Amino acid sequence: QVQLVESGGGLVQAGGSLRLSCAASGRTVSSYTMGWFRQAPGKEREFAAAFSWDGVNTYYSDAVKGRFIISRDNAKNTVYLQMNGLKPEDTAVYYCAADHRPKYYSGAYYAEKGYDYWGQGTQVTVSS
């Protein structure tokens, strides 16, 4: 089993930055796909960013591309989401997710069903 704990959320003004962290325990996740999803009030959870299981590729939704950066520190068993240029529409609970299965096409990274471990989430609120 893998446990994921997110941190780093909070309240920030529009245009500001936050860095979310996702610390994994239970197993080493260096060969896992790691992703970030988010759920805004009244909306379904949606994909934000992912780092491929082989450490080569990153994937972003159109909504965050160019503003968010996903990274991983395998020595710390931790994944990060650097969020820049935040907008009020980025307000959401952000969830870290992990999956042990290799993925061989980009679409596999975007679906919730492609992840078997989830954190509890961290709230990000962007004020206008």
Protein backbone atom coordinates (compact mmCIF):
# COMPACT_ATOMS: atom_id res chain seq x y z
CA GLN A 1 0.00 0.00 0.00
CA VAL A 2 1.04 3.54 -0.71
CA GLN A 3 0.00 6.46 1.44
CA LEU A 4 0.00 9.95 -0.06
CA VAL A 5 -0.09 13.14 1.97
CA GLU A 6 -0.48 16.51 0.29
CA SER A 7 0.62 19.81 1.78
CA GLY A 8 1.25 23.37 0.71
CA GLY A 9 -2.25 24.54 -0.02
CA GLY A 10 -3.62 27.84 1.21
CA LEU A 11 -5.03 31.21 0.30
CA VAL A 12 -3.24 33.30 -2.31
CA GLN A 13 -4.07 36.34 -4.40
CA ALA A 14 -4.55 36.10 -8.12
CA GLY A 15 -1.21 36.13 -9.89
CA GLY A 16 0.56 34.56 -6.96
CA SER A 17 2.28 31.19 -6.59
CA LEU A 18 2.06 28.12 -4.42
CA ARG A 19 3.99 24.87 -4.34
CA LEU A 20 2.15 21.74 -3.40
CA SER A 21 3.97 18.69 -2.07
CA CYS A 22 2.90 15.09 -2.07
CA ALA A 23 4.86 12.84 0.24
CA ALA A 24 4.55 9.12 -0.38
CA SER A 25 5.13 6.39 2.16
CA GLY A 26 4.73 2.67 2.32
CA ARG A 27 6.55 2.02 -0.94
CA THR A 28 9.08 3.73 -3.14
CA VAL A 29 7.22 5.50 -5.92
CA SER A 30 10.16 6.29 -8.17
CA SER A 31 8.74 4.02 -10.89
CA TYR A 32 5.13 5.02 -10.36
CA THR A 33 3.06 7.39 -12.44
CA MET A 34 2.36 10.41 -10.25
CA GLY A 35 -0.45 12.81 -10.92
CA TRP A 36 -2.28 15.83 -9.62
CA PHE A 37 -6.01 16.24 -9.96
CA ARG A 38 -8.27 18.98 -8.69
CA GLN A 39 -11.91 19.41 -7.80
CA ALA A 40 -13.56 22.80 -7.76
CA PRO A 41 -16.76 23.43 -5.79
CA GLY A 42 -19.73 21.90 -7.56
CA LYS A 43 -17.59 20.32 -10.27
CA GLU A 44 -16.18 16.92 -11.01
CA ARG A 45 -12.58 16.11 -10.26
CA GLU A 46 -10.33 16.84 -13.22
CA PHE A 47 -6.80 16.07 -14.31
CA ALA A 48 -4.16 18.78 -13.84
CA ALA A 49 -0.70 17.29 -14.30
CA ALA A 50 1.22 14.02 -14.31
CA PHE A 51 4.76 12.68 -14.36
CA SER A 52 5.34 9.50 -16.27
CA TRP A 53 6.32 6.27 -14.55
CA ASP A 54 9.68 6.22 -16.34
CA GLY A 55 10.53 9.76 -15.26
CA VAL A 56 10.72 11.01 -18.83
CA ASN A 57 7.52 12.82 -19.67
CA THR A 58 5.16 15.32 -18.10
CA TYR A 59 1.56 15.95 -19.00
CA TYR A 60 -0.66 18.94 -18.32
CA SER A 61 -4.23 19.91 -18.88
CA ASP A 62 -4.83 22.85 -21.16
CA ALA A 63 -6.09 24.82 -18.16
CA VAL A 64 -2.74 24.73 -16.37
CA LYS A 65 -0.23 24.30 -19.17
CA GLY A 66 2.39 27.02 -19.11
CA ARG A 67 1.63 27.97 -15.50
CA PHE A 68 2.05 24.78 -13.47
CA ILE A 69 5.09 22.54 -13.27
CA ILE A 70 5.14 19.02 -11.91
CA SER A 71 8.38 17.61 -10.58
CA ARG A 72 9.53 14.70 -8.50
CA ASP A 73 12.32 14.03 -6.03
CA ASN A 74 12.81 10.29 -5.92
CA ALA A 75 15.28 10.54 -3.04
CA LYS A 76 12.51 12.09 -0.94
CA ASN A 77 9.73 9.98 -2.42
CA THR A 78 7.92 13.25 -3.07
CA VAL A 79 6.17 14.92 -5.98
CA TYR A 80 5.61 18.64 -6.30
CA LEU A 81 3.27 20.92 -8.18
CA GLN A 82 4.59 24.44 -8.65
CA MET A 83 1.67 26.68 -9.45
CA ASN A 84 2.39 30.11 -10.90
CA GLY A 85 0.13 32.81 -12.24
CA LEU A 86 -2.75 31.53 -10.17
CA LYS A 87 -6.27 32.49 -11.16
CA PRO A 88 -9.52 32.41 -9.17
CA GLU A 89 -10.64 29.51 -11.36
CA ASP A 90 -7.74 27.47 -9.98
CA THR A 91 -9.54 27.38 -6.64
CA ALA A 92 -10.07 23.72 -5.81
CA VAL A 93 -9.06 20.84 -3.64
CA TYR A 94 -5.90 19.39 -5.14
CA TYR A 95 -5.34 15.65 -4.94
CA CYS A 96 -2.16 13.70 -5.44
CA ALA A 97 -2.49 10.31 -7.11
CA ALA A 98 -0.17 7.41 -7.84
CA ASP A 99 -0.30 4.32 -10.01
CA HIS A 100 2.10 1.39 -10.21
CA ARG A 101 1.14 0.37 -13.76
CA PRO A 102 3.20 1.62 -16.71
CA LYS A 103 1.28 3.77 -19.15
CA TYR A 104 2.09 3.73 -22.83
CA TYR A 105 -0.20 6.38 -24.26
CA SER A 106 -0.92 9.91 -23.11
CA GLY A 107 -4.64 9.40 -22.61
CA ALA A 108 -3.93 6.94 -19.83
CA TYR A 109 -2.55 9.73 -17.67
CA TYR A 110 -5.68 11.86 -17.75
CA ALA A 111 -8.25 9.48 -16.30
CA GLU A 112 -8.95 9.00 -12.62
CA LYS A 113 -9.36 5.27 -13.13
CA GLY A 114 -5.73 5.14 -14.13
CA TYR A 115 -4.60 5.75 -10.55
CA ASP A 116 -4.94 3.37 -7.66
CA TYR A 117 -3.71 5.50 -4.75
CA TRP A 118 -5.04 8.88 -3.69
CA GLY A 119 -4.26 11.45 -1.05
CA GLN A 120 -6.83 13.30 1.03
CA GLY A 121 -6.37 16.58 -0.80
CA THR A 122 -5.24 20.08 0.05
CA GLN A 123 -7.32 23.22 -0.44
CA VAL A 124 -6.10 25.97 -2.73
CA THR A 125 -8.06 29.21 -2.75
CA VAL A 126 -7.21 32.05 -5.12
CA SER A 127 -8.77 35.41 -4.39
CA SER A 128 -9.40 38.00 -7.07
